[in-house]
Amino acid sequence: MHIDLTLDTRGLNCPLPILKAKKALATLQSGQSLQVTSTDPGSMRDFAAFAKQTGNELLSQETVGNDFIHVLKRR
């Protein structure tokens, strides 16, 4: 999967990972992808809700060790 921008929000808790992702998505063109790495367990549901609310596509979510990795595609 091609990633256009990566964002490391490890150590930050809700709502900061979402807010930083929103700001990063605004810099991307439609169809580009953003990967966000977080350590907040709540980010799994937060990013699913964020994608649904904003119309951006949640391409994947996975847990790797203590990290939660989310990939979004800008609408």
PDB file of N, CA and C in Angstrom:
ATOM      1  N   MET A   1       0.849  -1.188   0.000  1.00  0.00           N
ATOM      2  CA  MET A   1       0.000   0.000   0.000  1.00  0.00           C
ATOM      3  C   MET A   1       0.889   1.244   0.000  1.00  0.00           C
ATOM      4  N   HIS A   2       0.583   2.178  -0.877  1.00  0.00           N
ATOM      5  CA  HIS A   2       1.361   3.421  -0.970  1.00  0.00           C
ATOM      6  C   HIS A   2       0.880   4.403   0.107  1.00  0.00           C
ATOM      7  N   ILE A   3       1.819   4.937   0.878  1.00  0.00           N
ATOM      8  CA  ILE A   3       1.526   5.931   1.918  1.00  0.00           C
ATOM      9  C   ILE A   3       2.154   7.256   1.484  1.00  0.00           C
ATOM     10  N   ASP A   4       1.343   8.310   1.432  1.00  0.00           N
ATOM     11  CA  ASP A   4       1.846   9.623   1.022  1.00  0.00           C
ATOM     12  C   ASP A   4       2.422  10.425   2.173  1.00  0.00           C
ATOM     13  N   LEU A   5       1.888  10.209   3.379  1.00  0.00           N
ATOM     14  CA  LEU A   5       2.336  10.973   4.542  1.00  0.00           C
ATOM     15  C   LEU A   5       2.191  10.101   5.778  1.00  0.00           C
ATOM     16  N   THR A   6       3.192  10.150   6.658  1.00  0.00           N
ATOM     17  CA  THR A   6       3.098   9.413   7.925  1.00  0.00           C
ATOM     18  C   THR A   6       3.074  10.411   9.077  1.00  0.00           C
ATOM     19  N   LEU A   7       2.371  10.015  10.119  1.00  0.00           N
ATOM     20  CA  LEU A   7       2.210  10.881  11.286  1.00  0.00           C
ATOM     21  C   LEU A   7       2.402  10.024  12.531  1.00  0.00           C
ATOM     22  N   ASP A   8       3.297  10.433  13.407  1.00  0.00           N
ATOM     23  CA  ASP A   8       3.571   9.710  14.648  1.00  0.00           C
ATOM     24  C   ASP A   8       2.915  10.461  15.800  1.00  0.00           C
ATOM     25  N   THR A   9       1.876   9.864  16.368  1.00  0.00           N
ATOM     26  CA  THR A   9       1.190  10.496  17.504  1.00  0.00           C
ATOM     27  C   THR A   9       1.354   9.649  18.764  1.00  0.00           C
ATOM     28  N   ARG A  10       2.403   8.828  18.796  1.00  0.00           N
ATOM     29  CA  ARG A  10       2.640   7.990  19.978  1.00  0.00           C
ATOM     30  C   ARG A  10       2.835   8.869  21.204  1.00  0.00           C
ATOM     31  N   GLY A  11       2.226   8.440  22.308  1.00  0.00           N
ATOM     32  CA  GLY A  11       2.323   9.184  23.563  1.00  0.00           C
ATOM     33  C   GLY A  11       1.231  10.215  23.740  1.00  0.00           C
ATOM     34  N   LEU A  12       0.453  10.481  22.693  1.00  0.00           N
ATOM     35  CA  LEU A  12      -0.639  11.453  22.776  1.00  0.00           C
ATOM     36  C   LEU A  12      -1.966  10.725  22.975  1.00  0.00           C
ATOM     37  N   ASN A  13      -2.839  11.325  23.767  1.00  0.00           N
ATOM     38  CA  ASN A  13      -4.156  10.743  24.001  1.00  0.00           C
ATOM     39  C   ASN A  13      -5.234  11.560  23.314  1.00  0.00           C
ATOM     40  N   CYS A  14      -6.389  10.949  23.194  1.00  0.00           N
ATOM     41  CA  CYS A  14      -7.553  11.576  22.575  1.00  0.00           C
ATOM     42  C   CYS A  14      -7.786  12.957  23.196  1.00  0.00           C
ATOM     43  N   PRO A  15      -8.057  13.954  22.415  1.00  0.00           N
ATOM     44  CA  PRO A  15      -8.354  13.954  20.986  1.00  0.00           C
ATOM     45  C   PRO A  15      -7.163  14.333  20.104  1.00  0.00           C
ATOM     46  N   LEU A  16      -5.964  14.409  20.664  1.00  0.00           N
ATOM     47  CA  LEU A  16      -4.814  14.915  19.903  1.00  0.00           C
ATOM     48  C   LEU A  16      -4.472  14.099  18.649  1.00  0.00           C
ATOM     49  N   PRO A  17      -4.482  12.760  18.681  1.00  0.00           N
ATOM     50  CA  PRO A  17      -4.184  12.043  17.426  1.00  0.00           C
ATOM     51  C   PRO A  17      -5.169  12.387  16.300  1.00  0.00           C
ATOM     52  N   ILE A  18      -6.441  12.522  16.636  1.00  0.00           N
ATOM     53  CA  ILE A  18      -7.451  12.874  15.629  1.00  0.00           C
ATOM     54  C   ILE A  18      -7.223  14.293  15.118  1.00  0.00           C
ATOM     55  N   LEU A  19      -6.963  15.218  16.016  1.00  0.00           N
ATOM     56  CA  LEU A  19      -6.751  16.614  15.611  1.00  0.00           C
ATOM     57  C   LEU A  19      -5.525  16.748  14.708  1.00  0.00           C
ATOM     58  N   LYS A  20      -4.449  16.048  15.044  1.00  0.00           N
ATOM     59  CA  LYS A  20      -3.242  16.103  14.218  1.00  0.00           C
ATOM     60  C   LYS A  20      -3.488  15.424  12.864  1.00  0.00           C
ATOM     61  N   ALA A  21      -4.263  14.345  12.867  1.00  0.00           N
ATOM     62  CA  ALA A  21      -4.585  13.669  11.607  1.00  0.00           C
ATOM     63  C   ALA A  21      -5.436  14.565  10.716  1.00  0.00           C
ATOM     64  N   LYS A  22      -6.390  15.267  11.311  1.00  0.00           N
ATOM     65  CA  LYS A  22      -7.248  16.170  10.544  1.00  0.00           C
ATOM     66  C   LYS A  22      -6.409  17.256   9.871  1.00  0.00           C
ATOM     67  N   LYS A  23      -5.465  17.802  10.624  1.00  0.00           N
ATOM     68  CA  LYS A  23      -4.590  18.849  10.088  1.00  0.00           C
ATOM     69  C   LYS A  23      -3.703  18.288   8.966  1.00  0.00           C
ATOM     70  N   ALA A  24      -3.186  17.074   9.155  1.00  0.00           N
ATOM     71  CA  ALA A  24      -2.330  16.449   8.138  1.00  0.00           C
ATOM     72  C   ALA A  24      -3.124  16.122   6.880  1.00  0.00           C
ATOM     73  N   LEU A  25      -4.344  15.625   7.031  1.00  0.00           N
ATOM     74  CA  LEU A  25      -5.181  15.304   5.870  1.00  0.00           C
ATOM     75  C   LEU A  25      -5.460  16.544   5.024  1.00  0.00           C
ATOM     76  N   ALA A  26      -5.557  17.688   5.676  1.00  0.00           N
ATOM     77  CA  ALA A  26      -5.844  18.934   4.968  1.00  0.00           C
ATOM     78  C   ALA A  26      -4.710  19.316   4.019  1.00  0.00           C
ATOM     79  N   THR A  27      -3.510  18.778   4.254  1.00  0.00           N
ATOM     80  CA  THR A  27      -2.372  19.091   3.388  1.00  0.00           C
ATOM     81  C   THR A  27      -2.295  18.150   2.184  1.00  0.00           C
ATOM     82  N   LEU A  28      -3.092  17.094   2.196  1.00  0.00           N
ATOM     83  CA  LEU A  28      -3.050  16.096   1.126  1.00  0.00           C
ATOM     84  C   LEU A  28      -4.056  16.402   0.026  1.00  0.00           C
ATOM     85  N   GLN A  29      -3.783  15.863  -1.145  1.00  0.00           N
ATOM     86  CA  GLN A  29      -4.722  15.948  -2.265  1.00  0.00           C
ATOM     87  C   GLN A  29      -5.734  14.811  -2.129  1.00  0.00           C
ATOM     88  N   SER A  30      -6.865  14.965  -2.775  1.00  0.00           N
ATOM     89  CA  SER A  30      -7.876  13.913  -2.781  1.00  0.00           C
ATOM     90  C   SER A  30      -7.267  12.615  -3.309  1.00  0.00           C
ATOM     91  N   GLY A  31      -7.515  11.516  -2.594  1.00  0.00           N
ATOM     92  CA  GLY A  31      -7.010  10.208  -2.996  1.00  0.00           C
ATOM     93  C   GLY A  31      -5.677   9.830  -2.373  1.00  0.00           C
ATOM     94  N   GLN A  32      -4.988  10.798  -1.771  1.00  0.00           N
ATOM     95  CA  GLN A  32      -3.719  10.484  -1.115  1.00  0.00           C
ATOM     96  C   GLN A  32      -3.986   9.851   0.246  1.00  0.00           C
ATOM     97  N   SER A  33      -2.975   9.143   0.780  1.00  0.00           N
ATOM     98  CA  SER A  33      -3.172   8.411   2.022  1.00  0.00           C
ATOM     99  C   SER A  33      -2.268   8.906   3.145  1.00  0.00           C
ATOM    100  N   LEU A  34      -2.781   8.752   4.352  1.00  0.00           N
ATOM    101  CA  LEU A  34      -2.100   9.159   5.577  1.00  0.00           C
ATOM    102  C   LEU A  34      -2.036   7.961   6.512  1.00  0.00           C
ATOM    103  N   GLN A  35      -0.836   7.680   7.022  1.00  0.00           N
ATOM    104  CA  GLN A  35      -0.682   6.643   8.033  1.00  0.00           C
ATOM    105  C   GLN A  35      -0.426   7.302   9.374  1.00  0.00           C
ATOM    106  N   VAL A  36      -1.219   6.948  10.370  1.00  0.00           N
ATOM    107  CA  VAL A  36      -1.085   7.506  11.713  1.00  0.00           C
ATOM    108  C   VAL A  36      -0.730   6.379  12.676  1.00  0.00           C
ATOM    109  N   THR A  37       0.338   6.570  13.433  1.00  0.00           N
ATOM    110  CA  THR A  37       0.729   5.613  14.460  1.00  0.00           C
ATOM    111  C   THR A  37       0.412   6.223  15.817  1.00  0.00           C
ATOM    112  N   SER A  38      -0.314   5.460  16.632  1.00  0.00           N
ATOM    113  CA  SER A  38      -0.759   5.948  17.936  1.00  0.00           C
ATOM    114  C   SER A  38      -0.517   4.879  18.995  1.00  0.00           C
ATOM    115  N   THR A  39      -0.433   5.299  20.253  1.00  0.00           N
ATOM    116  CA  THR A  39      -0.358   4.343  21.361  1.00  0.00           C
ATOM    117  C   THR A  39      -1.631   4.383  22.197  1.00  0.00           C
ATOM    118  N   ASP A  40      -2.594   5.185  21.795  1.00  0.00           N
ATOM    119  CA  ASP A  40      -3.865   5.313  22.510  1.00  0.00           C
ATOM    120  C   ASP A  40      -4.816   4.202  22.053  1.00  0.00           C
ATOM    121  N   PRO A  41      -5.164   3.254  22.956  1.00  0.00           N
ATOM    122  CA  PRO A  41      -6.052   2.162  22.564  1.00  0.00           C
ATOM    123  C   PRO A  41      -7.405   2.654  22.044  1.00  0.00           C
ATOM    124  N   GLY A  42      -7.869   3.786  22.526  1.00  0.00           N
ATOM    125  CA  GLY A  42      -9.135   4.349  22.070  1.00  0.00           C
ATOM    126  C   GLY A  42      -9.085   4.846  20.637  1.00  0.00           C
ATOM    127  N   SER A  43      -7.878   4.955  20.089  1.00  0.00           N
ATOM    128  CA  SER A  43      -7.756   5.462  18.726  1.00  0.00           C
ATOM    129  C   SER A  43      -8.385   4.521  17.703  1.00  0.00           C
ATOM    130  N   MET A  44      -8.509   3.243  18.023  1.00  0.00           N
ATOM    131  CA  MET A  44      -9.122   2.301  17.085  1.00  0.00           C
ATOM    132  C   MET A  44     -10.565   2.722  16.787  1.00  0.00           C
ATOM    133  N   ARG A  45     -11.341   2.992  17.810  1.00  0.00           N
ATOM    134  CA  ARG A  45     -12.728   3.423  17.587  1.00  0.00           C
ATOM    135  C   ARG A  45     -12.787   4.889  17.153  1.00  0.00           C
ATOM    136  N   ASP A  46     -11.861   5.700  17.662  1.00  0.00           N
ATOM    137  CA  ASP A  46     -11.859   7.126  17.321  1.00  0.00           C
ATOM    138  C   ASP A  46     -11.633   7.352  15.827  1.00  0.00           C
ATOM    139  N   PHE A  47     -10.681   6.621  15.237  1.00  0.00           N
ATOM    140  CA  PHE A  47     -10.403   6.812  13.810  1.00  0.00           C
ATOM    141  C   PHE A  47     -11.519   6.254  12.938  1.00  0.00           C
ATOM    142  N   ALA A  48     -12.165   5.183  13.392  1.00  0.00           N
ATOM    143  CA  ALA A  48     -13.310   4.649  12.642  1.00  0.00           C
ATOM    144  C   ALA A  48     -14.435   5.683  12.620  1.00  0.00           C
ATOM    145  N   ALA A  49     -14.709   6.304  13.763  1.00  0.00           N
ATOM    146  CA  ALA A  49     -15.754   7.326  13.846  1.00  0.00           C
ATOM    147  C   ALA A  49     -15.361   8.575  13.056  1.00  0.00           C
ATOM    148  N   PHE A  50     -14.096   8.961  13.140  1.00  0.00           N
ATOM    149  CA  PHE A  50     -13.600  10.134  12.415  1.00  0.00           C
ATOM    150  C   PHE A  50     -13.786   9.947  10.910  1.00  0.00           C
ATOM    151  N   ALA A  51     -13.417   8.779  10.399  1.00  0.00           N
ATOM    152  CA  ALA A  51     -13.553   8.514   8.965  1.00  0.00           C
ATOM    153  C   ALA A  51     -15.015   8.583   8.540  1.00  0.00           C
ATOM    154  N   LYS A  52     -15.877   7.999   9.343  1.00  0.00           N
ATOM    155  CA  LYS A  52     -17.311   7.994   9.020  1.00  0.00           C
ATOM    156  C   LYS A  52     -17.873   9.421   9.008  1.00  0.00           C
ATOM    157  N   GLN A  53     -17.466  10.231   9.974  1.00  0.00           N
ATOM    158  CA  GLN A  53     -17.981  11.598  10.091  1.00  0.00           C
ATOM    159  C   GLN A  53     -17.465  12.525   9.005  1.00  0.00           C
ATOM    160  N   THR A  54     -16.226  12.312   8.574  1.00  0.00           N
ATOM    161  CA  THR A  54     -15.599  13.250   7.631  1.00  0.00           C
ATOM    162  C   THR A  54     -15.683  12.806   6.176  1.00  0.00           C
ATOM    163  N   GLY A  55     -16.030  11.547   5.948  1.00  0.00           N
ATOM    164  CA  GLY A  55     -16.103  11.054   4.578  1.00  0.00           C
ATOM    165  C   GLY A  55     -14.774  10.571   4.028  1.00  0.00           C
ATOM    166  N   ASN A  56     -13.723  10.632   4.857  1.00  0.00           N
ATOM    167  CA  ASN A  56     -12.441  10.054   4.461  1.00  0.00           C
ATOM    168  C   ASN A  56     -12.532   8.540   4.638  1.00  0.00           C
ATOM    169  N   GLU A  57     -11.808   7.805   3.803  1.00  0.00           N
ATOM    170  CA  GLU A  57     -11.891   6.349   3.848  1.00  0.00           C
ATOM    171  C   GLU A  57     -10.839   5.768   4.786  1.00  0.00           C
ATOM    172  N   LEU A  58     -11.276   4.907   5.700  1.00  0.00           N
ATOM    173  CA  LEU A  58     -10.361   4.192   6.587  1.00  0.00           C
ATOM    174  C   LEU A  58      -9.934   2.925   5.855  1.00  0.00           C
ATOM    175  N   LEU A  59      -8.699   2.925   5.333  1.00  0.00           N
ATOM    176  CA  LEU A  59      -8.223   1.806   4.528  1.00  0.00           C
ATOM    177  C   LEU A  59      -7.830   0.607   5.377  1.00  0.00           C
ATOM    178  N   SER A  60      -7.216   0.861   6.542  1.00  0.00           N
ATOM    179  CA  SER A  60      -6.817  -0.249   7.406  1.00  0.00           C
ATOM    180  C   SER A  60      -6.538   0.232   8.814  1.00  0.00           C
ATOM    181  N   GLN A  61      -6.622  -0.723   9.736  1.00  0.00           N
ATOM    182  CA  GLN A  61      -6.230  -0.510  11.125  1.00  0.00           C
ATOM    183  C   GLN A  61      -5.570  -1.792  11.589  1.00  0.00           C
ATOM    184  N   GLU A  62      -4.453  -1.653  12.281  1.00  0.00           N
ATOM    185  CA  GLU A  62      -3.806  -2.839  12.819  1.00  0.00           C
ATOM    186  C   GLU A  62      -3.072  -2.495  14.101  1.00  0.00           C
ATOM    187  N   THR A  63      -2.867  -3.516  14.908  1.00  0.00           N
ATOM    188  CA  THR A  63      -2.122  -3.376  16.147  1.00  0.00           C
ATOM    189  C   THR A  63      -0.793  -4.088  15.973  1.00  0.00           C
ATOM    190  N   VAL A  64       0.293  -3.366  16.231  1.00  0.00           N
ATOM    191  CA  VAL A  64       1.636  -3.927  16.151  1.00  0.00           C
ATOM    192  C   VAL A  64       2.331  -3.617  17.471  1.00  0.00           C
ATOM    193  N   GLY A  65       2.435  -4.611  18.322  1.00  0.00           N
ATOM    194  CA  GLY A  65       3.001  -4.381  19.650  1.00  0.00           C
ATOM    195  C   GLY A  65       2.104  -3.424  20.419  1.00  0.00           C
ATOM    196  N   ASN A  66       2.653  -2.306  20.878  1.00  0.00           N
ATOM    197  CA  ASN A  66       1.879  -1.295  21.597  1.00  0.00           C
ATOM    198  C   ASN A  66       1.356  -0.188  20.686  1.00  0.00           C
ATOM    199  N   ASP A  67       1.621  -0.323  19.388  1.00  0.00           N
ATOM    200  CA  ASP A  67       1.216   0.709  18.429  1.00  0.00           C
ATOM    201  C   ASP A  67      -0.081   0.325  17.708  1.00  0.00           C
ATOM    202  N   PHE A  68      -0.883   1.332  17.453  1.00  0.00           N
ATOM    203  CA  PHE A  68      -2.105   1.186  16.672  1.00  0.00           C
ATOM    204  C   PHE A  68      -1.885   1.991  15.398  1.00  0.00           C
ATOM    205  N   ILE A  69      -1.953   1.307  14.260  1.00  0.00           N
ATOM    206  CA  ILE A  69      -1.630   1.946  12.986  1.00  0.00           C
ATOM    207  C   ILE A  69      -2.897   2.077  12.144  1.00  0.00           C
ATOM    208  N   HIS A  70      -3.176   3.298  11.734  1.00  0.00           N
ATOM    209  CA  HIS A  70      -4.382   3.622  10.974  1.00  0.00           C
ATOM    210  C   HIS A  70      -3.962   4.200   9.630  1.00  0.00           C
ATOM    211  N   VAL A  71      -4.624   3.783   8.564  1.00  0.00           N
ATOM    212  CA  VAL A  71      -4.349   4.351   7.250  1.00  0.00           C
ATOM    213  C   VAL A  71      -5.656   4.919   6.705  1.00  0.00           C
ATOM    214  N   LEU A  72      -5.623   6.203   6.406  1.00  0.00           N
ATOM    215  CA  LEU A  72      -6.790   6.923   5.884  1.00  0.00           C
ATOM    216  C   LEU A  72      -6.513   7.409   4.477  1.00  0.00           C
ATOM    217  N   LYS A  73      -7.544   7.434   3.650  1.00  0.00           N
ATOM    218  CA  LYS A  73      -7.433   8.020   2.315  1.00  0.00           C
ATOM    219  C   LYS A  73      -8.302   9.268   2.269  1.00  0.00           C
ATOM    220  N   ARG A  74      -7.687  10.366   1.846  1.00  0.00           N
ATOM    221  CA  ARG A  74      -8.421  11.637   1.802  1.00  0.00           C
ATOM    222  C   ARG A  74      -9.509  11.599   0.740  1.00  0.00           C
ATOM    223  N   ARG A  75     -10.666  12.101   1.104  1.00  0.00           N
ATOM    224  CA  ARG A  75     -11.802  12.105   0.172  1.00  0.00           C
ATOM    225  C   ARG A  75     -11.586  13.111  -0.934  1.00  0.00           C
TER     226      ARG A  75
END
